[in-house]
Amino acid sequence: MKKKIHPTYYPDARVTCACGNTFTVGATVKEINVELCSACHPFYTGKQKLVDTARRVEKFEARLKKKDEKSASRKGKAVKRAKRAKAKTKGAKK
């Protein structure tokens, strides 16, 4: 390995979570601050926890609602074809 090109390795780097949990790991920085850890992450705890940074959750829910409203107002091909066929038969009977 070349000398003086690799970062310094700290075998006892301290990780601090927003929930207050702290533990040590090996890393290239002395301290790491995280928002979620295994003690508070929904996958490991089984509890739903929404971390809303910059209204991302609200924006996603609004987008989802808008999509559902749009798809509810949309008609399928079969409905459109039936309507068109019905209009043609009415026009032909006159």
C-alpha atoms as a PDB file:
ATOM      1  CA  MET A   1       0.000   0.000   0.000  1.00  0.00           C
ATOM      2  CA  LYS A   2       1.103   3.522  -0.659  1.00  0.00           C
ATOM      3  CA  LYS A   3       1.837   5.590   2.401  1.00  0.00           C
ATOM      4  CA  LYS A   4       0.024   8.825   3.333  1.00  0.00           C
ATOM      5  CA  ILE A   5      -2.866   8.445   0.867  1.00  0.00           C
ATOM      6  CA  HIS A   6      -5.258   6.479   3.062  1.00  0.00           C
ATOM      7  CA  PRO A   7      -7.489   8.138   5.678  1.00  0.00           C
ATOM      8  CA  THR A   8      -6.853   7.549   9.365  1.00  0.00           C
ATOM      9  CA  TYR A   9      -8.823   4.602  10.724  1.00  0.00           C
ATOM     10  CA  TYR A  10     -10.428   4.971  14.161  1.00  0.00           C
ATOM     11  CA  PRO A  11     -11.386   1.562  15.589  1.00  0.00           C
ATOM     12  CA  ASP A  12     -13.401   3.188  18.393  1.00  0.00           C
ATOM     13  CA  ALA A  13     -15.420   5.844  16.538  1.00  0.00           C
ATOM     14  CA  ARG A  14     -18.501   6.953  18.496  1.00  0.00           C
ATOM     15  CA  VAL A  15     -21.920   6.877  16.786  1.00  0.00           C
ATOM     16  CA  THR A  16     -24.625   9.037  18.376  1.00  0.00           C
ATOM     17  CA  CYS A  17     -28.267   8.690  17.354  1.00  0.00           C
ATOM     18  CA  ALA A  18     -30.991  11.339  17.659  1.00  0.00           C
ATOM     19  CA  CYS A  19     -32.832   9.017  20.074  1.00  0.00           C
ATOM     20  CA  GLY A  20     -29.858   9.168  22.460  1.00  0.00           C
ATOM     21  CA  ASN A  21     -28.389   5.736  21.755  1.00  0.00           C
ATOM     22  CA  THR A  22     -24.591   5.627  21.424  1.00  0.00           C
ATOM     23  CA  PHE A  23     -22.236   2.848  20.352  1.00  0.00           C
ATOM     24  CA  THR A  24     -18.763   2.438  18.888  1.00  0.00           C
ATOM     25  CA  VAL A  25     -17.710   1.203  15.471  1.00  0.00           C
ATOM     26  CA  GLY A  26     -14.634   1.333  13.264  1.00  0.00           C
ATOM     27  CA  ALA A  27     -14.647   4.302  10.886  1.00  0.00           C
ATOM     28  CA  THR A  28     -12.521   6.970   9.244  1.00  0.00           C
ATOM     29  CA  VAL A  29     -14.064   9.765  11.359  1.00  0.00           C
ATOM     30  CA  LYS A  30     -14.033  10.073  15.163  1.00  0.00           C
ATOM     31  CA  GLU A  31     -17.715  10.928  15.652  1.00  0.00           C
ATOM     32  CA  ILE A  32     -20.803  10.107  13.585  1.00  0.00           C
ATOM     33  CA  ASN A  33     -24.259  11.613  14.187  1.00  0.00           C
ATOM     34  CA  VAL A  34     -27.261   9.753  12.756  1.00  0.00           C
ATOM     35  CA  GLU A  35     -31.049  10.246  12.808  1.00  0.00           C
ATOM     36  CA  LEU A  36     -31.984   6.555  13.038  1.00  0.00           C
ATOM     37  CA  CYS A  37     -30.246   3.554  14.550  1.00  0.00           C
ATOM     38  CA  SER A  38     -31.181  -0.060  15.180  1.00  0.00           C
ATOM     39  CA  ALA A  39     -32.727   0.927  18.541  1.00  0.00           C
ATOM     40  CA  CYS A  40     -35.250   3.328  16.975  1.00  0.00           C
ATOM     41  CA  HIS A  41     -35.573   2.237  13.309  1.00  0.00           C
ATOM     42  CA  PRO A  42     -39.103   1.041  12.404  1.00  0.00           C
ATOM     43  CA  PHE A  43     -37.779  -2.125  10.725  1.00  0.00           C
ATOM     44  CA  TYR A  44     -36.191  -3.334  13.963  1.00  0.00           C
ATOM     45  CA  THR A  45     -38.747  -1.993  16.462  1.00  0.00           C
ATOM     46  CA  GLY A  46     -41.918  -2.871  14.555  1.00  0.00           C
ATOM     47  CA  LYS A  47     -43.395   0.550  15.370  1.00  0.00           C
ATOM     48  CA  GLN A  48     -44.263   3.095  12.702  1.00  0.00           C
ATOM     49  CA  LYS A  49     -42.176   6.231  12.936  1.00  0.00           C
ATOM     50  CA  LEU A  50     -42.320   8.929  10.305  1.00  0.00           C
ATOM     51  CA  VAL A  51     -39.241  11.084  10.061  1.00  0.00           C
ATOM     52  CA  ASP A  52     -40.500  14.134   8.199  1.00  0.00           C
ATOM     53  CA  THR A  53     -37.603  16.118   6.829  1.00  0.00           C
ATOM     54  CA  ALA A  54     -38.669  19.125   4.768  1.00  0.00           C
ATOM     55  CA  ARG A  55     -42.319  17.966   4.561  1.00  0.00           C
ATOM     56  CA  ARG A  56     -41.408  14.911   2.459  1.00  0.00           C
ATOM     57  CA  VAL A  57     -44.093  12.715   4.001  1.00  0.00           C
ATOM     58  CA  GLU A  58     -46.802  15.345   3.489  1.00  0.00           C
ATOM     59  CA  LYS A  59     -45.703  15.920  -0.102  1.00  0.00           C
ATOM     60  CA  PHE A  60     -45.752  12.177  -0.802  1.00  0.00           C
ATOM     61  CA  GLU A  61     -49.227  11.771   0.706  1.00  0.00           C
ATOM     62  CA  ALA A  62     -50.536  14.747  -1.312  1.00  0.00           C
ATOM     63  CA  ARG A  63     -49.065  13.281  -4.511  1.00  0.00           C
ATOM     64  CA  LEU A  64     -50.602   9.887  -3.734  1.00  0.00           C
ATOM     65  CA  LYS A  65     -54.012  11.442  -3.060  1.00  0.00           C
ATOM     66  CA  LYS A  66     -53.857  13.421  -6.317  1.00  0.00           C
ATOM     67  CA  LYS A  67     -52.965  10.258  -8.232  1.00  0.00           C
ATOM     68  CA  ASP A  68     -55.884   8.335  -6.689  1.00  0.00           C
ATOM     69  CA  GLU A  69     -58.331  11.136  -7.546  1.00  0.00           C
ATOM     70  CA  LYS A  70     -57.083  11.248 -11.119  1.00  0.00           C
ATOM     71  CA  SER A  71     -57.343   7.482 -11.578  1.00  0.00           C
ATOM     72  CA  ALA A  72     -60.864   7.441 -10.110  1.00  0.00           C
ATOM     73  CA  SER A  73     -62.048  10.030 -12.638  1.00  0.00           C
ATOM     74  CA  ARG A  74     -60.420   8.178 -15.542  1.00  0.00           C
ATOM     75  CA  LYS A  75     -62.467   5.679 -17.510  1.00  0.00           C
ATOM     76  CA  GLY A  76     -61.119   2.430 -18.860  1.00  0.00           C
ATOM     77  CA  LYS A  77     -60.897   1.484 -22.531  1.00  0.00           C
ATOM     78  CA  ALA A  78     -63.834  -0.897 -22.316  1.00  0.00           C
ATOM     79  CA  VAL A  79     -66.122   1.827 -20.954  1.00  0.00           C
ATOM     80  CA  LYS A  80     -65.025   4.273 -23.644  1.00  0.00           C
ATOM     81  CA  ARG A  81     -65.536   1.706 -26.417  1.00  0.00           C
ATOM     82  CA  ALA A  82     -68.992   0.793 -25.153  1.00  0.00           C
ATOM     83  CA  LYS A  83     -69.968   4.457 -24.986  1.00  0.00           C
ATOM     84  CA  ARG A  84     -68.672   5.062 -28.514  1.00  0.00           C
ATOM     85  CA  ALA A  85     -70.470   1.981 -29.863  1.00  0.00           C
ATOM     86  CA  LYS A  86     -73.696   3.076 -28.187  1.00  0.00           C
ATOM     87  CA  ALA A  87     -73.399   6.548 -29.727  1.00  0.00           C
ATOM     88  CA  LYS A  88     -72.819   5.015 -33.191  1.00  0.00           C
ATOM     89  CA  THR A  89     -75.882   2.780 -32.912  1.00  0.00           C
ATOM     90  CA  LYS A  90     -78.063   5.720 -31.830  1.00  0.00           C
ATOM     91  CA  GLY A  91     -76.860   7.749 -34.805  1.00  0.00           C
ATOM     92  CA  ALA A  92     -77.494   4.877 -37.240  1.00  0.00           C
ATOM     93  CA  LYS A  93     -81.081   4.257 -36.007  1.00  0.00           C
ATOM     94  CA  LYS A  94     -82.217   7.816 -36.787  1.00  0.00           C
END
